[in-house]
Amino acid sequence: MSRGPVVLTANDLLTGEVVWADGAGGWTRALAQAAIFPGLEAAAALAEAEARSGEVVGPYLVEVQPGPPPRPKALREAIRAQGPTTLPAADRAEVR
């Protein structure tokens, strides 16, 4: 199966927040700051993220349409990129 450009995503181990690999060995919460990986670089980045299990959980590759910012092709990933879809418990009381 041929893949287009991809970004690497996971969840922060301590906070559970969605994070994206920034290409400098770190993680960012902003998809716009995520590194876009081609081919073999993507596989290597994924393997490295899996080896660094003390930082993130569940790393995987997401196919994107390149551009500022990259746009995930899958709806699930577009939703994840926008942030939580539920309000924190403290904010729920204000909505009622």
C-alpha atoms as a PDB file:
ATOM      1  CA  MET A   1       0.000   0.000   0.000  1.00  0.00           C
ATOM      2  CA  SER A   2       1.419   3.364  -0.988  1.00  0.00           C
ATOM      3  CA  ARG A   3       1.187   6.141   1.582  1.00  0.00           C
ATOM      4  CA  GLY A   4       1.336   9.845   1.045  1.00  0.00           C
ATOM      5  CA  PRO A   5       2.930  12.274   3.473  1.00  0.00           C
ATOM      6  CA  VAL A   6       2.338  11.447   7.122  1.00  0.00           C
ATOM      7  CA  VAL A   7       2.660  12.966  10.563  1.00  0.00           C
ATOM      8  CA  LEU A   8       3.314  11.056  13.756  1.00  0.00           C
ATOM      9  CA  THR A   9       0.803  11.320  16.590  1.00  0.00           C
ATOM     10  CA  ALA A  10       0.380   9.829  20.059  1.00  0.00           C
ATOM     11  CA  ASN A  11      -1.008  10.716  23.467  1.00  0.00           C
ATOM     12  CA  ASP A  12       1.107  12.322  26.161  1.00  0.00           C
ATOM     13  CA  LEU A  13       1.725   9.709  28.832  1.00  0.00           C
ATOM     14  CA  LEU A  14       1.123  12.062  31.775  1.00  0.00           C
ATOM     15  CA  THR A  15      -1.758  14.242  30.526  1.00  0.00           C
ATOM     16  CA  GLY A  16      -3.396  12.093  27.871  1.00  0.00           C
ATOM     17  CA  GLU A  17      -3.385  15.034  25.465  1.00  0.00           C
ATOM     18  CA  VAL A  18      -2.981  14.476  21.731  1.00  0.00           C
ATOM     19  CA  VAL A  19       0.565  15.297  20.639  1.00  0.00           C
ATOM     20  CA  TRP A  20       2.350  15.419  17.293  1.00  0.00           C
ATOM     21  CA  ALA A  21       6.048  14.770  16.577  1.00  0.00           C
ATOM     22  CA  ASP A  22       7.783  18.052  15.845  1.00  0.00           C
ATOM     23  CA  GLY A  23      10.736  16.640  13.904  1.00  0.00           C
ATOM     24  CA  ALA A  24      13.293  17.840  16.464  1.00  0.00           C
ATOM     25  CA  GLY A  25      12.826  14.868  18.759  1.00  0.00           C
ATOM     26  CA  GLY A  26      10.037  16.496  20.744  1.00  0.00           C
ATOM     27  CA  TRP A  27       6.265  16.657  20.816  1.00  0.00           C
ATOM     28  CA  THR A  28       3.825  19.509  20.242  1.00  0.00           C
ATOM     29  CA  ARG A  29       0.103  19.896  20.863  1.00  0.00           C
ATOM     30  CA  ALA A  30      -0.259  21.906  17.624  1.00  0.00           C
ATOM     31  CA  LEU A  31      -0.703  19.982  14.383  1.00  0.00           C
ATOM     32  CA  ALA A  32       0.556  23.076  12.534  1.00  0.00           C
ATOM     33  CA  GLN A  33       3.968  22.522  14.171  1.00  0.00           C
ATOM     34  CA  ALA A  34       4.119  18.802  13.349  1.00  0.00           C
ATOM     35  CA  ALA A  35       6.828  17.449  11.080  1.00  0.00           C
ATOM     36  CA  ILE A  36       5.694  15.831   7.844  1.00  0.00           C
ATOM     37  CA  PHE A  37       7.550  12.574   7.197  1.00  0.00           C
ATOM     38  CA  PRO A  38       8.015  10.912   3.809  1.00  0.00           C
ATOM     39  CA  GLY A  39       8.495   7.158   3.294  1.00  0.00           C
ATOM     40  CA  LEU A  40      11.338   5.597   5.244  1.00  0.00           C
ATOM     41  CA  GLU A  41      11.687   8.611   7.540  1.00  0.00           C
ATOM     42  CA  ALA A  42       8.153   7.957   8.758  1.00  0.00           C
ATOM     43  CA  ALA A  43       8.926   4.344   9.660  1.00  0.00           C
ATOM     44  CA  ALA A  44      12.083   5.401  11.503  1.00  0.00           C
ATOM     45  CA  ALA A  45      10.243   8.159  13.406  1.00  0.00           C
ATOM     46  CA  LEU A  46       7.530   5.703  14.439  1.00  0.00           C
ATOM     47  CA  ALA A  47      10.084   3.138  15.630  1.00  0.00           C
ATOM     48  CA  GLU A  48      11.873   5.817  17.664  1.00  0.00           C
ATOM     49  CA  ALA A  49       8.613   6.991  19.254  1.00  0.00           C
ATOM     50  CA  GLU A  50       7.683   3.428  20.178  1.00  0.00           C
ATOM     51  CA  ALA A  51      11.081   3.011  21.860  1.00  0.00           C
ATOM     52  CA  ARG A  52      10.529   6.160  23.954  1.00  0.00           C
ATOM     53  CA  SER A  53       7.584   4.716  25.857  1.00  0.00           C
ATOM     54  CA  GLY A  54       8.155   6.936  28.903  1.00  0.00           C
ATOM     55  CA  GLU A  55       6.907  10.015  27.037  1.00  0.00           C
ATOM     56  CA  VAL A  56       3.947   8.987  24.915  1.00  0.00           C
ATOM     57  CA  VAL A  57       1.533   6.112  24.476  1.00  0.00           C
ATOM     58  CA  GLY A  58       0.112   4.655  21.278  1.00  0.00           C
ATOM     59  CA  PRO A  59       2.166   6.410  18.604  1.00  0.00           C
ATOM     60  CA  TYR A  60       1.018   5.934  15.013  1.00  0.00           C
ATOM     61  CA  LEU A  61       1.252   7.542  11.581  1.00  0.00           C
ATOM     62  CA  VAL A  62      -1.504   9.706  10.123  1.00  0.00           C
ATOM     63  CA  GLU A  63      -1.797  10.447   6.418  1.00  0.00           C
ATOM     64  CA  VAL A  64      -2.115  14.174   5.730  1.00  0.00           C
ATOM     65  CA  GLN A  65      -2.582  16.648   2.928  1.00  0.00           C
ATOM     66  CA  PRO A  66       0.520  18.830   3.146  1.00  0.00           C
ATOM     67  CA  GLY A  67       0.251  22.549   3.484  1.00  0.00           C
ATOM     68  CA  PRO A  68       0.320  25.104   6.179  1.00  0.00           C
ATOM     69  CA  PRO A  69      -1.058  23.552   8.283  1.00  0.00           C
ATOM     70  CA  PRO A  70      -1.102  19.869   7.310  1.00  0.00           C
ATOM     71  CA  ARG A  71      -4.654  18.491   7.205  1.00  0.00           C
ATOM     72  CA  PRO A  72      -5.420  14.914   8.255  1.00  0.00           C
ATOM     73  CA  LYS A  73      -7.216  12.912   5.583  1.00  0.00           C
ATOM     74  CA  ALA A  74      -9.216  10.859   8.091  1.00  0.00           C
ATOM     75  CA  LEU A  75     -12.117  12.450   9.979  1.00  0.00           C
ATOM     76  CA  ARG A  76     -11.031  10.834  13.253  1.00  0.00           C
ATOM     77  CA  GLU A  77      -7.650  12.539  13.061  1.00  0.00           C
ATOM     78  CA  ALA A  78      -9.157  15.884  12.072  1.00  0.00           C
ATOM     79  CA  ILE A  79     -11.286  15.704  15.234  1.00  0.00           C
ATOM     80  CA  ARG A  80      -8.268  14.734  17.378  1.00  0.00           C
ATOM     81  CA  ALA A  81      -6.321  17.686  15.955  1.00  0.00           C
ATOM     82  CA  GLN A  82      -9.015  20.120  17.126  1.00  0.00           C
ATOM     83  CA  GLY A  83      -8.661  19.099  20.766  1.00  0.00           C
ATOM     84  CA  PRO A  84     -10.922  17.407  23.307  1.00  0.00           C
ATOM     85  CA  THR A  85     -14.545  16.881  22.362  1.00  0.00           C
ATOM     86  CA  THR A  86     -15.672  16.889  25.981  1.00  0.00           C
ATOM     87  CA  LEU A  87     -15.444  19.583  28.598  1.00  0.00           C
ATOM     88  CA  PRO A  88     -13.338  19.063  31.728  1.00  0.00           C
ATOM     89  CA  ALA A  89     -15.442  18.338  34.833  1.00  0.00           C
ATOM     90  CA  ALA A  90     -14.907  21.854  36.199  1.00  0.00           C
ATOM     91  CA  ASP A  91     -16.308  23.416  33.015  1.00  0.00           C
ATOM     92  CA  ARG A  92     -19.377  21.157  32.823  1.00  0.00           C
ATOM     93  CA  ALA A  93     -20.939  22.831  35.850  1.00  0.00           C
ATOM     94  CA  GLU A  94     -20.781  26.207  34.087  1.00  0.00           C
ATOM     95  CA  VAL A  95     -22.621  24.866  31.015  1.00  0.00           C
ATOM     96  CA  ARG A  96     -25.620  23.603  32.983  1.00  0.00           C
END
